[in-house]
PDB file of N, CA and C in Angstrom:
ATOM      1  N   MET A   1       5.874  68.406  93.439  1.00  0.00           N
ATOM      2  CA  MET A   1       4.803  67.547  93.919  1.00  0.00           C
ATOM      3  C   MET A   1       3.964  67.086  92.734  1.00  0.00           C
ATOM      4  N   ASN A   2       3.801  65.771  92.590  1.00  0.00           N
ATOM      5  CA  ASN A   2       2.947  65.228  91.541  1.00  0.00           C
ATOM      6  C   ASN A   2       1.517  65.165  92.040  1.00  0.00           C
ATOM      7  N   LYS A   3       0.623  65.785  91.296  1.00  0.00           N
ATOM      8  CA  LYS A   3      -0.782  65.806  91.680  1.00  0.00           C
ATOM      9  C   LYS A   3      -1.512  64.636  91.036  1.00  0.00           C
ATOM     10  N   VAL A   4      -2.500  64.126  91.735  1.00  0.00           N
ATOM     11  CA  VAL A   4      -3.369  63.082  91.212  1.00  0.00           C
ATOM     12  C   VAL A   4      -4.235  63.698  90.123  1.00  0.00           C
ATOM     13  N   THR A   5      -4.502  62.942  89.059  1.00  0.00           N
ATOM     14  CA  THR A   5      -5.410  63.392  88.005  1.00  0.00           C
ATOM     15  C   THR A   5      -6.705  62.594  88.118  1.00  0.00           C
ATOM     16  N   LYS A   6      -7.839  63.301  88.141  1.00  0.00           N
ATOM     17  CA  LYS A   6      -9.148  62.647  88.220  1.00  0.00           C
ATOM     18  C   LYS A   6      -9.969  63.019  86.998  1.00  0.00           C
ATOM     19  N   VAL A   7     -10.585  62.007  86.394  1.00  0.00           N
ATOM     20  CA  VAL A   7     -11.523  62.216  85.295  1.00  0.00           C
ATOM     21  C   VAL A   7     -12.904  61.916  85.856  1.00  0.00           C
ATOM     22  N   ILE A   8     -13.801  62.898  85.761  1.00  0.00           N
ATOM     23  CA  ILE A   8     -15.135  62.795  86.354  1.00  0.00           C
ATOM     24  C   ILE A   8     -16.173  63.140  85.295  1.00  0.00           C
ATOM     25  N   ILE A   9     -17.267  62.382  85.271  1.00  0.00           N
ATOM     26  CA  ILE A   9     -18.416  62.753  84.449  1.00  0.00           C
ATOM     27  C   ILE A   9     -19.400  63.424  85.392  1.00  0.00           C
ATOM     28  N   GLY A  10     -19.664  64.707  85.161  1.00  0.00           N
ATOM     29  CA  GLY A  10     -20.537  65.439  86.062  1.00  0.00           C
ATOM     30  C   GLY A  10     -20.833  66.835  85.552  1.00  0.00           C
ATOM     31  N   THR A  11     -21.489  67.608  86.396  1.00  0.00           N
ATOM     32  CA  THR A  11     -21.945  68.947  86.038  1.00  0.00           C
ATOM     33  C   THR A  11     -21.460  69.953  87.070  1.00  0.00           C
ATOM     34  N   LEU A  12     -20.863  71.044  86.599  1.00  0.00           N
ATOM     35  CA  LEU A  12     -20.503  72.133  87.508  1.00  0.00           C
ATOM     36  C   LEU A  12     -21.781  72.782  88.021  1.00  0.00           C
ATOM     37  N   MET A  13     -21.879  72.974  89.309  1.00  0.00           N
ATOM     38  CA  MET A  13     -23.086  73.545  89.894  1.00  0.00           C
ATOM     39  C   MET A  13     -22.964  75.040  90.153  1.00  0.00           C
ATOM     40  N   SER A  14     -21.781  75.590  89.964  1.00  0.00           N
ATOM     41  CA  SER A  14     -21.568  77.031  90.092  1.00  0.00           C
ATOM     42  C   SER A  14     -20.423  77.404  89.161  1.00  0.00           C
ATOM     43  N   PRO A  15     -20.314  78.683  88.823  1.00  0.00           N
ATOM     44  CA  PRO A  15     -19.224  79.093  87.929  1.00  0.00           C
ATOM     45  C   PRO A  15     -17.861  78.725  88.521  1.00  0.00           C
ATOM     46  N   LEU A  16     -16.972  78.280  87.660  1.00  0.00           N
ATOM     47  CA  LEU A  16     -15.625  77.910  88.076  1.00  0.00           C
ATOM     48  C   LEU A  16     -14.765  79.162  88.139  1.00  0.00           C
ATOM     49  N   SER A  17     -14.077  79.363  89.262  1.00  0.00           N
ATOM     50  CA  SER A  17     -13.206  80.532  89.357  1.00  0.00           C
ATOM     51  C   SER A  17     -11.996  80.224  90.229  1.00  0.00           C
ATOM     52  N   VAL A  18     -10.878  80.805  89.849  1.00  0.00           N
ATOM     53  CA  VAL A  18      -9.642  80.647  90.614  1.00  0.00           C
ATOM     54  C   VAL A  18      -9.839  81.284  91.987  1.00  0.00           C
ATOM     55  N   GLY A  19      -9.408  80.582  93.016  1.00  0.00           N
ATOM     56  CA  GLY A  19      -9.527  81.086  94.379  1.00  0.00           C
ATOM     57  C   GLY A  19     -10.734  80.560  95.123  1.00  0.00           C
ATOM     58  N   ALA A  20     -11.616  79.838  94.425  1.00  0.00           N
ATOM     59  CA  ALA A  20     -12.809  79.268  95.050  1.00  0.00           C
ATOM     60  C   ALA A  20     -12.811  77.756  94.844  1.00  0.00           C
ATOM     61  N   CYS A  21     -13.634  77.070  95.604  1.00  0.00           N
ATOM     62  CA  CYS A  21     -13.806  75.632  95.415  1.00  0.00           C
ATOM     63  C   CYS A  21     -14.750  75.390  94.244  1.00  0.00           C
ATOM     64  N   ALA A  22     -14.622  74.234  93.605  1.00  0.00           N
ATOM     65  CA  ALA A  22     -15.564  73.837  92.558  1.00  0.00           C
ATOM     66  C   ALA A  22     -16.599  72.918  93.193  1.00  0.00           C
ATOM     67  N   LEU A  23     -17.854  73.074  92.784  1.00  0.00           N
ATOM     68  CA  LEU A  23     -18.925  72.203  93.253  1.00  0.00           C
ATOM     69  C   LEU A  23     -19.440  71.431  92.048  1.00  0.00           C
ATOM     70  N   ILE A  24     -19.334  70.103  92.110  1.00  0.00           N
ATOM     71  CA  ILE A  24     -19.663  69.234  90.985  1.00  0.00           C
ATOM     72  C   ILE A  24     -20.739  68.251  91.417  1.00  0.00           C
ATOM     73  N   LEU A  25     -21.760  68.068  90.568  1.00  0.00           N
ATOM     74  CA  LEU A  25     -22.780  67.052  90.793  1.00  0.00           C
ATOM     75  C   LEU A  25     -22.404  65.845  89.951  1.00  0.00           C
ATOM     76  N   GLN A  26     -22.193  64.708  90.607  1.00  0.00           N
ATOM     77  CA  GLN A  26     -21.805  63.489  89.912  1.00  0.00           C
ATOM     78  C   GLN A  26     -22.639  62.330  90.438  1.00  0.00           C
ATOM     79  N   GLY A  27     -23.456  61.757  89.562  1.00  0.00           N
ATOM     80  CA  GLY A  27     -24.221  60.574  89.943  1.00  0.00           C
ATOM     81  C   GLY A  27     -25.074  60.754  91.181  1.00  0.00           C
ATOM     82  N   GLY A  28     -25.693  61.905  91.329  1.00  0.00           N
ATOM     83  CA  GLY A  28     -26.577  62.148  92.458  1.00  0.00           C
ATOM     84  C   GLY A  28     -25.879  62.587  93.740  1.00  0.00           C
ATOM     85  N   ARG A  29     -24.578  62.769  93.692  1.00  0.00           N
ATOM     86  CA  ARG A  29     -23.866  63.253  94.884  1.00  0.00           C
ATOM     87  C   ARG A  29     -23.025  64.467  94.522  1.00  0.00           C
ATOM     88  N   TYR A  30     -22.772  65.298  95.507  1.00  0.00           N
ATOM     89  CA  TYR A  30     -21.996  66.514  95.299  1.00  0.00           C
ATOM     90  C   TYR A  30     -20.543  66.289  95.699  1.00  0.00           C
ATOM     91  N   ILE A  31     -19.654  66.854  94.900  1.00  0.00           N
ATOM     92  CA  ILE A  31     -18.227  66.832  95.199  1.00  0.00           C
ATOM     93  C   ILE A  31     -17.782  68.281  95.334  1.00  0.00           C
ATOM     94  N   ARG A  32     -17.122  68.579  96.436  1.00  0.00           N
ATOM     95  CA  ARG A  32     -16.560  69.919  96.637  1.00  0.00           C
ATOM     96  C   ARG A  32     -15.049  69.766  96.620  1.00  0.00           C
ATOM     97  N   THR A  33     -14.400  70.465  95.715  1.00  0.00           N
ATOM     98  CA  THR A  33     -12.949  70.346  95.578  1.00  0.00           C
ATOM     99  C   THR A  33     -12.241  71.295  96.533  1.00  0.00           C
ATOM    100  N   SER A  34     -10.936  71.150  96.602  1.00  0.00           N
ATOM    101  CA  SER A  34     -10.136  72.165  97.286  1.00  0.00           C
ATOM    102  C   SER A  34     -10.076  73.400  96.376  1.00  0.00           C
ATOM    103  N   THR A  35      -9.385  74.411  96.777  1.00  0.00           N
ATOM    104  CA  THR A  35      -9.336  75.685  96.051  1.00  0.00           C
ATOM    105  C   THR A  35      -8.774  75.521  94.637  1.00  0.00           C
ATOM    106  N   VAL A  36      -9.475  76.088  93.663  1.00  0.00           N
ATOM    107  CA  VAL A  36      -9.025  76.069  92.269  1.00  0.00           C
ATOM    108  C   VAL A  36      -7.851  77.039  92.133  1.00  0.00           C
ATOM    109  N   VAL A  37      -6.744  76.547  91.562  1.00  0.00           N
ATOM    110  CA  VAL A  37      -5.570  77.400  91.384  1.00  0.00           C
ATOM    111  C   VAL A  37      -5.327  77.750  89.919  1.00  0.00           C
ATOM    112  N   ARG A  38      -5.905  76.974  89.006  1.00  0.00           N
ATOM    113  CA  ARG A  38      -5.718  77.255  87.580  1.00  0.00           C
ATOM    114  C   ARG A  38      -6.818  76.591  86.766  1.00  0.00           C
ATOM    115  N   ILE A  39      -7.315  77.313  85.761  1.00  0.00           N
ATOM    116  CA  ILE A  39      -8.276  76.759  84.806  1.00  0.00           C
ATOM    117  C   ILE A  39      -7.510  76.562  83.501  1.00  0.00           C
ATOM    118  N   HIS A  40      -7.408  75.312  83.052  1.00  0.00           N
ATOM    119  CA  HIS A  40      -6.619  75.002  81.860  1.00  0.00           C
ATOM    120  C   HIS A  40      -7.417  75.199  80.573  1.00  0.00           C
ATOM    121  N   SER A  41      -8.642  74.669  80.520  1.00  0.00           N
ATOM    122  CA  SER A  41      -9.459  74.816  79.308  1.00  0.00           C
ATOM    123  C   SER A  41     -10.918  74.539  79.624  1.00  0.00           C
ATOM    124  N   ILE A  42     -11.775  75.200  78.839  1.00  0.00           N
ATOM    125  CA  ILE A  42     -13.218  74.986  78.948  1.00  0.00           C
ATOM    126  C   ILE A  42     -13.755  74.839  77.536  1.00  0.00           C
ATOM    127  N   THR A  43     -14.387  73.696  77.255  1.00  0.00           N
ATOM    128  CA  THR A  43     -15.046  73.457  75.973  1.00  0.00           C
ATOM    129  C   THR A  43     -16.461  72.968  76.272  1.00  0.00           C
ATOM    130  N   PRO A  44     -17.318  72.861  75.254  1.00  0.00           N
ATOM    131  CA  PRO A  44     -18.674  72.364  75.511  1.00  0.00           C
ATOM    132  C   PRO A  44     -18.711  70.939  76.080  1.00  0.00           C
ATOM    133  N   ARG A  45     -17.666  70.148  75.861  1.00  0.00           N
ATOM    134  CA  ARG A  45     -17.666  68.752  76.299  1.00  0.00           C
ATOM    135  C   ARG A  45     -16.822  68.471  77.543  1.00  0.00           C
ATOM    136  N   GLN A  46     -15.895  69.367  77.878  1.00  0.00           N
ATOM    137  CA  GLN A  46     -15.065  69.103  79.054  1.00  0.00           C
ATOM    138  C   GLN A  46     -14.481  70.380  79.644  1.00  0.00           C
ATOM    139  N   VAL A  47     -14.153  70.280  80.927  1.00  0.00           N
ATOM    140  CA  VAL A  47     -13.513  71.380  81.647  1.00  0.00           C
ATOM    141  C   VAL A  47     -12.274  70.796  82.328  1.00  0.00           C
ATOM    142  N   ARG A  48     -11.124  71.417  82.091  1.00  0.00           N
ATOM    143  CA  ARG A  48      -9.878  70.971  82.725  1.00  0.00           C
ATOM    144  C   ARG A  48      -9.406  72.073  83.671  1.00  0.00           C
ATOM    145  N   PHE A  49      -9.221  71.689  84.933  1.00  0.00           N
ATOM    146  CA  PHE A  49      -8.764  72.662  85.919  1.00  0.00           C
ATOM    147  C   PHE A  49      -7.927  71.965  86.975  1.00  0.00           C
ATOM    148  N   GLU A  50      -7.255  72.781  87.771  1.00  0.00           N
ATOM    149  CA  GLU A  50      -6.334  72.273  88.784  1.00  0.00           C
ATOM    150  C   GLU A  50      -6.671  72.905  90.124  1.00  0.00           C
ATOM    151  N   THR A  51      -6.670  72.080  91.153  1.00  0.00           N
ATOM    152  CA  THR A  51      -6.867  72.580  92.511  1.00  0.00           C
ATOM    153  C   THR A  51      -5.545  72.468  93.268  1.00  0.00           C
ATOM    154  N   LEU A  52      -5.563  72.820  94.533  1.00  0.00           N
ATOM    155  CA  LEU A  52      -4.356  72.706  95.352  1.00  0.00           C
ATOM    156  C   LEU A  52      -3.805  71.281  95.351  1.00  0.00           C
ATOM    157  N   ASN A  53      -4.703  70.288  95.262  1.00  0.00           N
ATOM    158  CA  ASN A  53      -4.299  68.894  95.424  1.00  0.00           C
ATOM    159  C   ASN A  53      -4.412  68.021  94.181  1.00  0.00           C
ATOM    160  N   THR A  54      -5.253  68.408  93.209  1.00  0.00           N
ATOM    161  CA  THR A  54      -5.642  67.497  92.132  1.00  0.00           C
ATOM    162  C   THR A  54      -5.789  68.223  90.808  1.00  0.00           C
ATOM    163  N   GLN A  55      -5.529  67.504  89.716  1.00  0.00           N
ATOM    164  CA  GLN A  55      -5.855  67.988  88.377  1.00  0.00           C
ATOM    165  C   GLN A  55      -7.145  67.280  87.953  1.00  0.00           C
ATOM    166  N   TYR A  56      -8.121  68.044  87.472  1.00  0.00           N
ATOM    167  CA  TYR A  56      -9.419  67.492  87.097  1.00  0.00           C
ATOM    168  C   TYR A  56      -9.667  67.616  85.603  1.00  0.00           C
ATOM    169  N   CYS A  57     -10.284  66.579  85.060  1.00  0.00           N
ATOM    170  CA  CYS A  57     -10.867  66.622  83.724  1.00  0.00           C
ATOM    171  C   CYS A  57     -12.338  66.292  83.931  1.00  0.00           C
ATOM    172  N   LEU A  58     -13.191  67.305  83.859  1.00  0.00           N
ATOM    173  CA  LEU A  58     -14.624  67.139  84.072  1.00  0.00           C
ATOM    174  C   LEU A  58     -15.288  66.968  82.720  1.00  0.00           C
ATOM    175  N   LEU A  59     -15.858  65.785  82.487  1.00  0.00           N
ATOM    176  CA  LEU A  59     -16.559  65.505  81.240  1.00  0.00           C
ATOM    177  C   LEU A  59     -18.033  65.808  81.432  1.00  0.00           C
ATOM    178  N   VAL A  60     -18.602  66.556  80.509  1.00  0.00           N
ATOM    179  CA  VAL A  60     -20.004  66.943  80.590  1.00  0.00           C
ATOM    180  C   VAL A  60     -20.855  65.753  80.163  1.00  0.00           C
ATOM    181  N   PRO A  61     -21.861  65.370  80.965  1.00  0.00           N
ATOM    182  CA  PRO A  61     -22.720  64.257  80.561  1.00  0.00           C
ATOM    183  C   PRO A  61     -23.487  64.617  79.297  1.00  0.00           C
ATOM    184  N   ASP A  62     -23.936  63.593  78.580  1.00  0.00           N
ATOM    185  CA  ASP A  62     -24.711  63.833  77.362  1.00  0.00           C
ATOM    186  C   ASP A  62     -25.903  64.721  77.661  1.00  0.00           C
ATOM    187  N   ALA A  63     -26.131  65.680  76.785  1.00  0.00           N
ATOM    188  CA  ALA A  63     -27.268  66.592  76.942  1.00  0.00           C
ATOM    189  C   ALA A  63     -28.558  65.824  76.692  1.00  0.00           C
ATOM    190  N   PRO A  64     -29.633  66.173  77.385  1.00  0.00           N
ATOM    191  CA  PRO A  64     -30.908  65.507  77.137  1.00  0.00           C
ATOM    192  C   PRO A  64     -31.392  65.790  75.724  1.00  0.00           C
ATOM    193  N   VAL A  65     -32.239  64.913  75.222  1.00  0.00           N
ATOM    194  CA  VAL A  65     -32.800  65.089  73.886  1.00  0.00           C
ATOM    195  C   VAL A  65     -33.612  66.365  73.870  1.00  0.00           C
ATOM    196  N   SER A  66     -33.398  67.199  72.868  1.00  0.00           N
ATOM    197  CA  SER A  66     -34.120  68.466  72.799  1.00  0.00           C
ATOM    198  C   SER A  66     -35.550  68.234  72.335  1.00  0.00           C
ATOM    199  N   VAL A  67     -36.424  69.093  72.787  1.00  0.00           N
ATOM    200  CA  VAL A  67     -37.827  69.014  72.412  1.00  0.00           C
ATOM    201  C   VAL A  67     -38.013  69.699  71.070  1.00  0.00           C
ATOM    202  N   ASP A  68     -38.790  69.085  70.192  1.00  0.00           N
ATOM    203  CA  ASP A  68     -39.088  69.685  68.895  1.00  0.00           C
ATOM    204  C   ASP A  68     -40.029  70.857  69.124  1.00  0.00           C
ATOM    205  N   SER A  69     -39.541  72.062  68.889  1.00  0.00           N
ATOM    206  CA  SER A  69     -40.334  73.260  69.175  1.00  0.00           C
ATOM    207  C   SER A  69     -41.453  73.474  68.171  1.00  0.00           C
ATOM    208  N   SER A  70     -41.460  72.711  67.073  1.00  0.00           N
ATOM    209  CA  SER A  70     -42.522  72.889  66.084  1.00  0.00           C
ATOM    210  C   SER A  70     -43.801  72.156  66.480  1.00  0.00           C
ATOM    211  N   VAL A  71     -43.736  71.314  67.481  1.00  0.00           N
ATOM    212  CA  VAL A  71     -44.917  70.580  67.932  1.00  0.00           C
ATOM    213  C   VAL A  71     -45.722  71.485  68.844  1.00  0.00           C
ATOM    214  N   SER A  72     -47.013  71.632  68.540  1.00  0.00           N
ATOM    215  CA  SER A  72     -47.848  72.491  69.381  1.00  0.00           C
ATOM    216  C   SER A  72     -48.420  71.677  70.532  1.00  0.00           C
ATOM    217  N   MET A  73     -48.613  72.336  71.640  1.00  0.00           N
ATOM    218  CA  MET A  73     -49.166  71.697  72.824  1.00  0.00           C
ATOM    219  C   MET A  73     -50.549  72.267  73.069  1.00  0.00           C
ATOM    220  N   GLU A  74     -51.481  71.410  73.418  1.00  0.00           N
ATOM    221  CA  GLU A  74     -52.829  71.862  73.757  1.00  0.00           C
ATOM    222  C   GLU A  74     -53.114  71.444  75.186  1.00  0.00           C
ATOM    223  N   TYR A  75     -53.812  72.303  75.894  1.00  0.00           N
ATOM    224  CA  TYR A  75     -54.176  71.994  77.262  1.00  0.00           C
ATOM    225  C   TYR A  75     -55.474  71.206  77.276  1.00  0.00           C
ATOM    226  N   ALA A  76     -55.546  70.201  78.133  1.00  0.00           N
ATOM    227  CA  ALA A  76     -56.784  69.433  78.272  1.00  0.00           C
ATOM    228  C   ALA A  76     -57.761  70.236  79.116  1.00  0.00           C
ATOM    229  N   ALA A  77     -59.031  70.151  78.741  1.00  0.00           N
ATOM    230  CA  ALA A  77     -60.054  70.904  79.478  1.00  0.00           C
ATOM    231  C   ALA A  77     -60.502  70.164  80.696  1.00  0.00           C
TER     232      ALA A  77
END
């Protein structure tokens, strides 16, 4: 059986594990996959995994700009 391959830009909302569904936040909506059967690779920029029906390449969206921790904050009175 040839599985469909999907490339998605989104964020995993729970830890990925074999035997469970993946929950992905993409563009303000949630995607729940079928059962994960194999995790191929996990890097800081992408996660590749396979479900019963589909092969996924989840691309991590760009990280927000980090705050400069050397800047001090003062509270207004």
